[in-house]
Amino acid sequence: MITLRGIYRKHTFWLGAAVLFMLVLLVLDRNNLIERSKLVSRIHDLEAQRDYYRQRISEDSTLLEQLKDTEFLEKYAREKFYFKRDGETIYVIK
């Protein structure tokens, strides 16, 4: 005759084995959940950096193309580096 107590003992072993197995996988393994979450966070940070630098490359490429025009180059040099022509006086107002 099968009793409830016998079934409980049988399943307790397998339940304990399953819990131990999950503990090993989730905490004690080299590739555990904690390390995985750190790696996922690092990946997101690196992707954000990649997007930032791609944006900067795009802006700098546009500026480089504009600097090939001599009129824009002169305007840029006057605005950013306070270049002047001979005989001019520059007043910086901020």
N, C-alpha and C. Protein backbone atom coordinates (compact mmCIF):
# COMPACT_ATOMS: atom_id res chain seq x y z
N MET A 1 0.83 -1.17 0.00
CA MET A 1 0.00 0.00 0.00
C MET A 1 0.89 1.25 0.00
N ILE A 2 0.54 2.19 -0.84
CA ILE A 2 1.30 3.43 -0.95
C ILE A 2 0.72 4.43 0.04
N THR A 3 1.62 4.96 0.85
CA THR A 3 1.15 5.95 1.83
C THR A 3 1.65 7.33 1.44
N LEU A 4 1.03 8.31 2.02
CA LEU A 4 1.40 9.69 1.75
C LEU A 4 2.80 9.98 2.28
N ARG A 5 3.16 9.35 3.37
CA ARG A 5 4.48 9.54 3.97
C ARG A 5 5.57 8.99 3.05
N GLY A 6 5.35 7.89 2.38
CA GLY A 6 6.32 7.30 1.46
C GLY A 6 6.53 8.18 0.24
N ILE A 7 5.45 8.74 -0.27
CA ILE A 7 5.55 9.62 -1.43
C ILE A 7 6.30 10.89 -1.04
N TYR A 8 6.03 11.41 0.14
CA TYR A 8 6.69 12.62 0.61
C TYR A 8 8.19 12.42 0.73
N ARG A 9 8.61 11.29 1.28
CA ARG A 9 10.05 11.00 1.43
C ARG A 9 10.72 10.88 0.07
N LYS A 10 10.05 10.25 -0.86
CA LYS A 10 10.62 10.05 -2.19
C LYS A 10 10.80 11.40 -2.90
N HIS A 11 9.81 12.26 -2.82
CA HIS A 11 9.87 13.55 -3.50
C HIS A 11 10.77 14.54 -2.76
N THR A 12 10.96 14.36 -1.49
CA THR A 12 11.83 15.26 -0.74
C THR A 12 13.26 15.15 -1.24
N PHE A 13 13.70 13.96 -1.53
CA PHE A 13 15.05 13.77 -2.05
C PHE A 13 15.21 14.52 -3.36
N TRP A 14 14.28 14.34 -4.30
CA TRP A 14 14.39 14.99 -5.60
C TRP A 14 14.22 16.50 -5.50
N LEU A 15 13.37 16.94 -4.60
CA LEU A 15 13.22 18.38 -4.40
C LEU A 15 14.50 18.97 -3.83
N GLY A 16 15.13 18.30 -2.89
CA GLY A 16 16.40 18.76 -2.33
C GLY A 16 17.49 18.76 -3.38
N ALA A 17 17.53 17.73 -4.21
CA ALA A 17 18.53 17.67 -5.28
C ALA A 17 18.32 18.80 -6.28
N ALA A 18 17.08 19.09 -6.60
CA ALA A 18 16.78 20.17 -7.54
C ALA A 18 17.17 21.53 -6.95
N VAL A 19 16.89 21.73 -5.66
CA VAL A 19 17.26 22.98 -5.00
C VAL A 19 18.77 23.13 -4.96
N LEU A 20 19.48 22.08 -4.65
CA LEU A 20 20.94 22.12 -4.63
C LEU A 20 21.50 22.42 -6.01
N PHE A 21 20.94 21.79 -7.03
CA PHE A 21 21.37 22.02 -8.41
C PHE A 21 21.15 23.48 -8.81
N MET A 22 19.99 24.04 -8.47
CA MET A 22 19.70 25.44 -8.78
C MET A 22 20.63 26.38 -8.02
N LEU A 23 20.95 26.03 -6.78
CA LEU A 23 21.88 26.84 -6.00
C LEU A 23 23.25 26.88 -6.65
N VAL A 24 23.69 25.74 -7.10
CA VAL A 24 24.99 25.68 -7.77
C VAL A 24 24.97 26.51 -9.05
N LEU A 25 23.91 26.41 -9.83
CA LEU A 25 23.84 27.15 -11.08
C LEU A 25 23.69 28.66 -10.87
N LEU A 26 22.90 29.05 -9.91
CA LEU A 26 22.59 30.47 -9.75
C LEU A 26 23.60 31.24 -8.92
N VAL A 27 24.30 30.59 -8.01
CA VAL A 27 25.17 31.33 -7.10
C VAL A 27 26.63 30.87 -7.17
N LEU A 28 26.86 29.62 -7.16
CA LEU A 28 28.21 29.10 -7.01
C LEU A 28 28.97 28.93 -8.32
N ASP A 29 28.27 28.87 -9.42
CA ASP A 29 28.91 28.68 -10.72
C ASP A 29 29.68 29.92 -11.13
N ARG A 30 30.66 29.76 -11.99
CA ARG A 30 31.47 30.88 -12.45
C ARG A 30 30.62 31.88 -13.26
N ASN A 31 29.65 31.39 -13.97
CA ASN A 31 28.76 32.23 -14.77
C ASN A 31 27.41 32.37 -14.08
N ASN A 32 27.43 32.82 -12.83
CA ASN A 32 26.20 32.90 -12.06
C ASN A 32 25.40 34.15 -12.42
N LEU A 33 24.25 34.32 -11.78
CA LEU A 33 23.37 35.44 -12.10
C LEU A 33 23.98 36.78 -11.74
N ILE A 34 24.73 36.84 -10.68
CA ILE A 34 25.34 38.10 -10.27
C ILE A 34 26.35 38.56 -11.33
N GLU A 35 27.21 37.66 -11.74
CA GLU A 35 28.19 38.01 -12.77
C GLU A 35 27.50 38.35 -14.10
N ARG A 36 26.46 37.62 -14.41
CA ARG A 36 25.72 37.88 -15.64
C ARG A 36 25.10 39.27 -15.62
N SER A 37 24.52 39.66 -14.50
CA SER A 37 23.91 41.00 -14.42
C SER A 37 24.98 42.09 -14.53
N LYS A 38 26.16 41.86 -13.95
CA LYS A 38 27.26 42.82 -14.09
C LYS A 38 27.69 42.95 -15.55
N LEU A 39 27.77 41.82 -16.24
CA LEU A 39 28.17 41.84 -17.65
C LEU A 39 27.12 42.53 -18.52
N VAL A 40 25.86 42.30 -18.23
CA VAL A 40 24.80 42.95 -19.00
C VAL A 40 24.86 44.46 -18.78
N SER A 41 25.10 44.87 -17.55
CA SER A 41 25.24 46.30 -17.25
C SER A 41 26.43 46.89 -17.99
N ARG A 42 27.53 46.19 -18.00
CA ARG A 42 28.74 46.66 -18.70
C ARG A 42 28.49 46.77 -20.21
N ILE A 43 27.74 45.81 -20.75
CA ILE A 43 27.41 45.84 -22.18
C ILE A 43 26.58 47.07 -22.50
N HIS A 44 25.60 47.38 -21.65
CA HIS A 44 24.78 48.56 -21.88
C HIS A 44 25.62 49.84 -21.81
N ASP A 45 26.55 49.91 -20.87
CA ASP A 45 27.42 51.07 -20.77
C ASP A 45 28.28 51.23 -22.02
N LEU A 46 28.84 50.12 -22.48
CA LEU A 46 29.69 50.17 -23.67
C LEU A 46 28.89 50.53 -24.92
N GLU A 47 27.65 50.05 -25.02
CA GLU A 47 26.81 50.42 -26.16
C GLU A 47 26.48 51.90 -26.13
N ALA A 48 26.26 52.45 -24.94
CA ALA A 48 26.01 53.89 -24.82
C ALA A 48 27.24 54.68 -25.25
N GLN A 49 28.41 54.23 -24.84
CA GLN A 49 29.64 54.89 -25.26
C GLN A 49 29.82 54.80 -26.78
N ARG A 50 29.52 53.64 -27.34
CA ARG A 50 29.64 53.46 -28.79
C ARG A 50 28.73 54.44 -29.52
N ASP A 51 27.49 54.58 -29.06
CA ASP A 51 26.56 55.50 -29.70
C ASP A 51 27.05 56.94 -29.57
N TYR A 52 27.60 57.29 -28.41
CA TYR A 52 28.13 58.64 -28.20
C TYR A 52 29.27 58.93 -29.18
N TYR A 53 30.20 57.99 -29.29
CA TYR A 53 31.34 58.22 -30.17
C TYR A 53 30.95 58.20 -31.64
N ARG A 54 29.96 57.41 -32.02
CA ARG A 54 29.47 57.46 -33.39
C ARG A 54 28.86 58.82 -33.70
N GLN A 55 28.14 59.38 -32.73
CA GLN A 55 27.57 60.71 -32.91
C GLN A 55 28.67 61.75 -33.05
N ARG A 56 29.68 61.65 -32.21
CA ARG A 56 30.81 62.59 -32.29
C ARG A 56 31.54 62.47 -33.62
N ILE A 57 31.72 61.26 -34.12
CA ILE A 57 32.38 61.05 -35.42
C ILE A 57 31.55 61.70 -36.52
N SER A 58 30.24 61.56 -36.45
CA SER A 58 29.36 62.16 -37.44
C SER A 58 29.47 63.68 -37.42
N GLU A 59 29.45 64.27 -36.21
CA GLU A 59 29.57 65.73 -36.09
C GLU A 59 30.93 66.21 -36.58
N ASP A 60 31.98 65.51 -36.22
CA ASP A 60 33.32 65.92 -36.64
C ASP A 60 33.51 65.76 -38.14
N SER A 61 32.92 64.75 -38.73
CA SER A 61 33.01 64.57 -40.18
C SER A 61 32.31 65.72 -40.90
N THR A 62 31.16 66.13 -40.37
CA THR A 62 30.44 67.26 -40.95
C THR A 62 31.28 68.53 -40.85
N LEU A 63 31.88 68.76 -39.68
CA LEU A 63 32.72 69.94 -39.50
C LEU A 63 33.93 69.90 -40.43
N LEU A 64 34.51 68.74 -40.59
CA LEU A 64 35.67 68.60 -41.48
C LEU A 64 35.31 68.96 -42.91
N GLU A 65 34.14 68.52 -43.35
CA GLU A 65 33.70 68.86 -44.71
C GLU A 65 33.47 70.36 -44.83
N GLN A 66 32.91 70.97 -43.80
CA GLN A 66 32.65 72.41 -43.84
C GLN A 66 33.95 73.20 -43.83
N LEU A 67 34.96 72.70 -43.12
CA LEU A 67 36.24 73.42 -43.04
C LEU A 67 37.01 73.43 -44.35
N LYS A 68 36.60 72.62 -45.30
CA LYS A 68 37.24 72.63 -46.61
C LYS A 68 36.87 73.89 -47.40
N ASP A 69 35.76 74.54 -47.01
CA ASP A 69 35.36 75.79 -47.62
C ASP A 69 36.12 76.93 -46.96
N THR A 70 36.80 77.76 -47.75
CA THR A 70 37.67 78.80 -47.18
C THR A 70 36.89 79.86 -46.42
N GLU A 71 35.69 80.20 -46.87
CA GLU A 71 34.90 81.20 -46.16
C GLU A 71 34.49 80.69 -44.78
N PHE A 72 34.04 79.46 -44.74
CA PHE A 72 33.67 78.89 -43.44
C PHE A 72 34.89 78.74 -42.54
N LEU A 73 36.02 78.38 -43.13
CA LEU A 73 37.25 78.24 -42.35
C LEU A 73 37.64 79.56 -41.70
N GLU A 74 37.54 80.64 -42.45
CA GLU A 74 37.87 81.95 -41.90
C GLU A 74 36.89 82.33 -40.78
N LYS A 75 35.62 82.10 -41.01
CA LYS A 75 34.61 82.41 -39.99
C LYS A 75 34.84 81.57 -38.73
N TYR A 76 35.15 80.31 -38.92
CA TYR A 76 35.39 79.41 -37.79
C TYR A 76 36.62 79.85 -36.99
N ALA A 77 37.70 80.21 -37.69
CA ALA A 77 38.93 80.64 -37.03
C ALA A 77 38.70 81.93 -36.26
N ARG A 78 37.91 82.85 -36.82
CA ARG A 78 37.62 84.10 -36.12
C ARG A 78 36.78 83.86 -34.87
N GLU A 79 35.78 82.97 -34.96
CA GLU A 79 34.89 82.74 -33.83
C GLU A 79 35.54 81.91 -32.73
N LYS A 80 36.24 80.89 -33.09
CA LYS A 80 36.78 79.96 -32.09
C LYS A 80 38.15 80.36 -31.55
N PHE A 81 38.98 80.90 -32.42
CA PHE A 81 40.37 81.17 -32.02
C PHE A 81 40.72 82.65 -32.01
N TYR A 82 39.72 83.50 -32.24
CA TYR A 82 39.89 84.96 -32.22
C TYR A 82 40.97 85.44 -33.18
N PHE A 83 41.02 84.83 -34.34
CA PHE A 83 41.94 85.29 -35.37
C PHE A 83 41.45 86.63 -35.91
N LYS A 84 42.37 87.43 -36.42
CA LYS A 84 42.00 88.73 -36.98
C LYS A 84 42.88 89.03 -38.18
N ARG A 85 42.38 89.94 -38.95
CA ARG A 85 43.17 90.41 -40.09
C ARG A 85 44.07 91.55 -39.61
N ASP A 86 45.04 91.89 -40.43
CA ASP A 86 45.92 93.00 -40.09
C ASP A 86 45.10 94.29 -40.02
N GLY A 87 45.33 95.05 -38.96
CA GLY A 87 44.66 96.33 -38.80
C GLY A 87 43.32 96.23 -38.10
N GLU A 88 42.85 95.05 -37.77
CA GLU A 88 41.57 94.89 -37.08
C GLU A 88 41.80 94.83 -35.58
N THR A 89 40.81 95.26 -34.84
CA THR A 89 40.81 95.15 -33.40
C THR A 89 39.64 94.26 -32.99
N ILE A 90 39.89 93.33 -32.13
CA ILE A 90 38.85 92.40 -31.71
C ILE A 90 38.47 92.73 -30.27
N TYR A 91 37.17 92.85 -30.06
CA TYR A 91 36.63 93.04 -28.71
C TYR A 91 35.80 91.81 -28.38
N VAL A 92 36.15 91.11 -27.33
CA VAL A 92 35.45 89.89 -26.93
C VAL A 92 34.38 90.29 -25.91
N ILE A 93 33.13 90.04 -26.26
CA ILE A 93 32.01 90.34 -25.38
C ILE A 93 31.37 89.02 -25.01
N LYS A 94 31.31 88.76 -23.71
CA LYS A 94 30.70 87.51 -23.26
C LYS A 94 29.47 87.76 -22.45
